[in-house]
């Protein structure tokens, strides 16, 4: 499952919105490991503008990514079942992609 959320729904004037906290808390609950359930992993992609001299992470982008990680961890999302990355795409949206976590030994402890 994949969906996009407008960046302005998550951040207003560079600061996290209440909506962002609610959505990330719900996502954290979905990612929590449950007995007899396949673990779900999440990939989050934030867009950036490609520059001829490469990618430069500004403090605003760093703080947004830190907020996403911290909020998901506080909501109970296991380390190793979510990742956040950058892609040269639309800077006005955040892309969320959910999939079933695959493991080599038949179970996943959330750590990687």
C-alpha atoms as a PDB file:
ATOM      1  CA  UNK A   1       0.000   0.000   0.000  1.00  0.00           C
ATOM      2  CA  UNK A   2       1.314   3.394  -0.911  1.00  0.00           C
ATOM      3  CA  UNK A   3      -0.084   6.863  -0.348  1.00  0.00           C
ATOM      4  CA  UNK A   4       1.021  10.488  -0.365  1.00  0.00           C
ATOM      5  CA  UNK A   5       0.349  13.147   2.256  1.00  0.00           C
ATOM      6  CA  UNK A   6       0.882  16.838   1.554  1.00  0.00           C
ATOM      7  CA  UNK A   7       3.875  18.182   3.438  1.00  0.00           C
ATOM      8  CA  UNK A   8       1.767  21.130   4.630  1.00  0.00           C
ATOM      9  CA  UNK A   9      -0.469  18.644   6.511  1.00  0.00           C
ATOM     10  CA  UNK A  10       2.561  17.570   8.549  1.00  0.00           C
ATOM     11  CA  UNK A  11       4.493  20.821   8.912  1.00  0.00           C
ATOM     12  CA  UNK A  12       3.375  24.431   9.155  1.00  0.00           C
ATOM     13  CA  UNK A  13       6.075  27.097   9.094  1.00  0.00           C
ATOM     14  CA  UNK A  14       8.593  24.288   9.609  1.00  0.00           C
ATOM     15  CA  UNK A  15       6.928  23.003  12.793  1.00  0.00           C
ATOM     16  CA  UNK A  16       5.025  19.713  13.185  1.00  0.00           C
ATOM     17  CA  UNK A  17       1.234  19.931  13.124  1.00  0.00           C
ATOM     18  CA  UNK A  18      -1.191  18.166  15.449  1.00  0.00           C
ATOM     19  CA  UNK A  19      -2.383  16.187  12.421  1.00  0.00           C
ATOM     20  CA  UNK A  20       1.151  14.849  11.884  1.00  0.00           C
ATOM     21  CA  UNK A  21       1.349  13.610  15.459  1.00  0.00           C
ATOM     22  CA  UNK A  22      -2.047  11.892  15.228  1.00  0.00           C
ATOM     23  CA  UNK A  23      -1.223  10.186  11.912  1.00  0.00           C
ATOM     24  CA  UNK A  24       2.229   9.037  13.056  1.00  0.00           C
ATOM     25  CA  UNK A  25       0.839   7.709  16.348  1.00  0.00           C
ATOM     26  CA  UNK A  26      -1.720   5.671  14.396  1.00  0.00           C
ATOM     27  CA  UNK A  27       0.978   4.382  12.047  1.00  0.00           C
ATOM     28  CA  UNK A  28       3.169   3.471  15.030  1.00  0.00           C
ATOM     29  CA  UNK A  29       0.287   1.393  16.384  1.00  0.00           C
ATOM     30  CA  UNK A  30      -0.070  -0.429  13.069  1.00  0.00           C
ATOM     31  CA  UNK A  31       3.652  -1.232  13.007  1.00  0.00           C
ATOM     32  CA  UNK A  32       3.752  -2.662  16.548  1.00  0.00           C
ATOM     33  CA  UNK A  33       4.569  -6.349  16.487  1.00  0.00           C
ATOM     34  CA  UNK A  34       1.582  -8.580  17.230  1.00  0.00           C
ATOM     35  CA  UNK A  35       1.570 -12.293  18.070  1.00  0.00           C
ATOM     36  CA  UNK A  36       0.608 -14.475  15.095  1.00  0.00           C
ATOM     37  CA  UNK A  37       0.566 -11.495  12.704  1.00  0.00           C
ATOM     38  CA  UNK A  38       2.942 -10.784   9.853  1.00  0.00           C
ATOM     39  CA  UNK A  39       5.063  -7.729  10.686  1.00  0.00           C
ATOM     40  CA  UNK A  40       4.484  -4.690   8.521  1.00  0.00           C
ATOM     41  CA  UNK A  41       7.310  -2.461   7.407  1.00  0.00           C
ATOM     42  CA  UNK A  42       7.099   1.159   6.368  1.00  0.00           C
ATOM     43  CA  UNK A  43       9.244   3.211   4.039  1.00  0.00           C
ATOM     44  CA  UNK A  44       8.854   6.987   4.126  1.00  0.00           C
ATOM     45  CA  UNK A  45      10.207   9.106   1.295  1.00  0.00           C
ATOM     46  CA  UNK A  46      10.653  12.842   1.395  1.00  0.00           C
ATOM     47  CA  UNK A  47      11.290  14.718  -1.823  1.00  0.00           C
ATOM     48  CA  UNK A  48      14.124  17.081  -2.501  1.00  0.00           C
ATOM     49  CA  UNK A  49      15.127  19.321  -5.368  1.00  0.00           C
ATOM     50  CA  UNK A  50      18.076  17.949  -7.284  1.00  0.00           C
ATOM     51  CA  UNK A  51      20.896  20.442  -7.555  1.00  0.00           C
ATOM     52  CA  UNK A  52      23.746  20.196 -10.025  1.00  0.00           C
ATOM     53  CA  UNK A  53      26.236  20.233  -7.140  1.00  0.00           C
ATOM     54  CA  UNK A  54      24.425  17.442  -5.290  1.00  0.00           C
ATOM     55  CA  UNK A  55      22.099  17.167  -2.322  1.00  0.00           C
ATOM     56  CA  UNK A  56      22.455  19.539   0.585  1.00  0.00           C
ATOM     57  CA  UNK A  57      20.492  18.722   3.743  1.00  0.00           C
ATOM     58  CA  UNK A  58      19.347  21.910   5.368  1.00  0.00           C
ATOM     59  CA  UNK A  59      18.415  22.135   9.033  1.00  0.00           C
ATOM     60  CA  UNK A  60      14.710  22.247   8.190  1.00  0.00           C
ATOM     61  CA  UNK A  61      14.806  18.934   6.352  1.00  0.00           C
ATOM     62  CA  UNK A  62      16.943  17.348   9.063  1.00  0.00           C
ATOM     63  CA  UNK A  63      14.516  18.445  11.777  1.00  0.00           C
ATOM     64  CA  UNK A  64      11.522  17.092   9.825  1.00  0.00           C
ATOM     65  CA  UNK A  65      13.181  13.714   9.407  1.00  0.00           C
ATOM     66  CA  UNK A  66      14.162  13.652  13.080  1.00  0.00           C
ATOM     67  CA  UNK A  67      10.578  14.437  14.069  1.00  0.00           C
ATOM     68  CA  UNK A  68       9.270  11.546  11.940  1.00  0.00           C
ATOM     69  CA  UNK A  69      11.727   9.050  13.468  1.00  0.00           C
ATOM     70  CA  UNK A  70      11.241  10.223  17.061  1.00  0.00           C
ATOM     71  CA  UNK A  71       7.448  10.247  16.815  1.00  0.00           C
ATOM     72  CA  UNK A  72       7.263   6.766  15.287  1.00  0.00           C
ATOM     73  CA  UNK A  73       9.590   5.357  17.955  1.00  0.00           C
ATOM     74  CA  UNK A  74       7.565   7.007  20.736  1.00  0.00           C
ATOM     75  CA  UNK A  75       4.391   5.531  19.209  1.00  0.00           C
ATOM     76  CA  UNK A  76       5.876   2.030  19.515  1.00  0.00           C
ATOM     77  CA  UNK A  77       7.085   1.399  15.977  1.00  0.00           C
ATOM     78  CA  UNK A  78       9.886  -1.178  16.237  1.00  0.00           C
ATOM     79  CA  UNK A  79      13.346  -0.183  15.042  1.00  0.00           C
ATOM     80  CA  UNK A  80      14.132  -2.002  11.841  1.00  0.00           C
ATOM     81  CA  UNK A  81      10.554  -1.975  10.545  1.00  0.00           C
ATOM     82  CA  UNK A  82      10.577   1.568   9.219  1.00  0.00           C
ATOM     83  CA  UNK A  83      12.985   3.697   7.260  1.00  0.00           C
ATOM     84  CA  UNK A  84      13.056   7.257   6.002  1.00  0.00           C
ATOM     85  CA  UNK A  85      14.816   8.315   2.862  1.00  0.00           C
ATOM     86  CA  UNK A  86      15.101  11.077   0.307  1.00  0.00           C
ATOM     87  CA  UNK A  87      14.205  10.964  -3.346  1.00  0.00           C
ATOM     88  CA  UNK A  88      14.379  13.565  -6.122  1.00  0.00           C
ATOM     89  CA  UNK A  89      10.624  13.979  -6.300  1.00  0.00           C
ATOM     90  CA  UNK A  90       7.894  16.395  -5.352  1.00  0.00           C
ATOM     91  CA  UNK A  91       9.017  18.384  -2.308  1.00  0.00           C
ATOM     92  CA  UNK A  92       5.410  19.133  -1.372  1.00  0.00           C
ATOM     93  CA  UNK A  93       4.465  15.544  -0.473  1.00  0.00           C
ATOM     94  CA  UNK A  94       5.612  12.744   1.808  1.00  0.00           C
ATOM     95  CA  UNK A  95       5.282   9.233   0.366  1.00  0.00           C
ATOM     96  CA  UNK A  96       4.397   6.326   2.674  1.00  0.00           C
ATOM     97  CA  UNK A  97       4.842   2.744   1.433  1.00  0.00           C
ATOM     98  CA  UNK A  98       3.724  -0.218   3.553  1.00  0.00           C
ATOM     99  CA  UNK A  99       4.592  -3.845   2.844  1.00  0.00           C
ATOM    100  CA  UNK A 100       4.838  -7.190   4.618  1.00  0.00           C
ATOM    101  CA  UNK A 101       8.226  -7.581   6.297  1.00  0.00           C
ATOM    102  CA  UNK A 102      10.117 -10.618   5.084  1.00  0.00           C
ATOM    103  CA  UNK A 103      12.446 -12.487   7.389  1.00  0.00           C
ATOM    104  CA  UNK A 104      14.961 -15.210   6.796  1.00  0.00           C
ATOM    105  CA  UNK A 105      13.996 -17.389   9.765  1.00  0.00           C
ATOM    106  CA  UNK A 106      10.237 -17.031   9.706  1.00  0.00           C
ATOM    107  CA  UNK A 107       9.955 -14.396  12.401  1.00  0.00           C
ATOM    108  CA  UNK A 108      11.101 -10.851  12.958  1.00  0.00           C
ATOM    109  CA  UNK A 109      12.035  -9.302  16.269  1.00  0.00           C
ATOM    110  CA  UNK A 110      11.888  -5.710  15.026  1.00  0.00           C
ATOM    111  CA  UNK A 111      15.614  -5.142  15.354  1.00  0.00           C
ATOM    112  CA  UNK A 112      18.039  -4.764  12.494  1.00  0.00           C
END
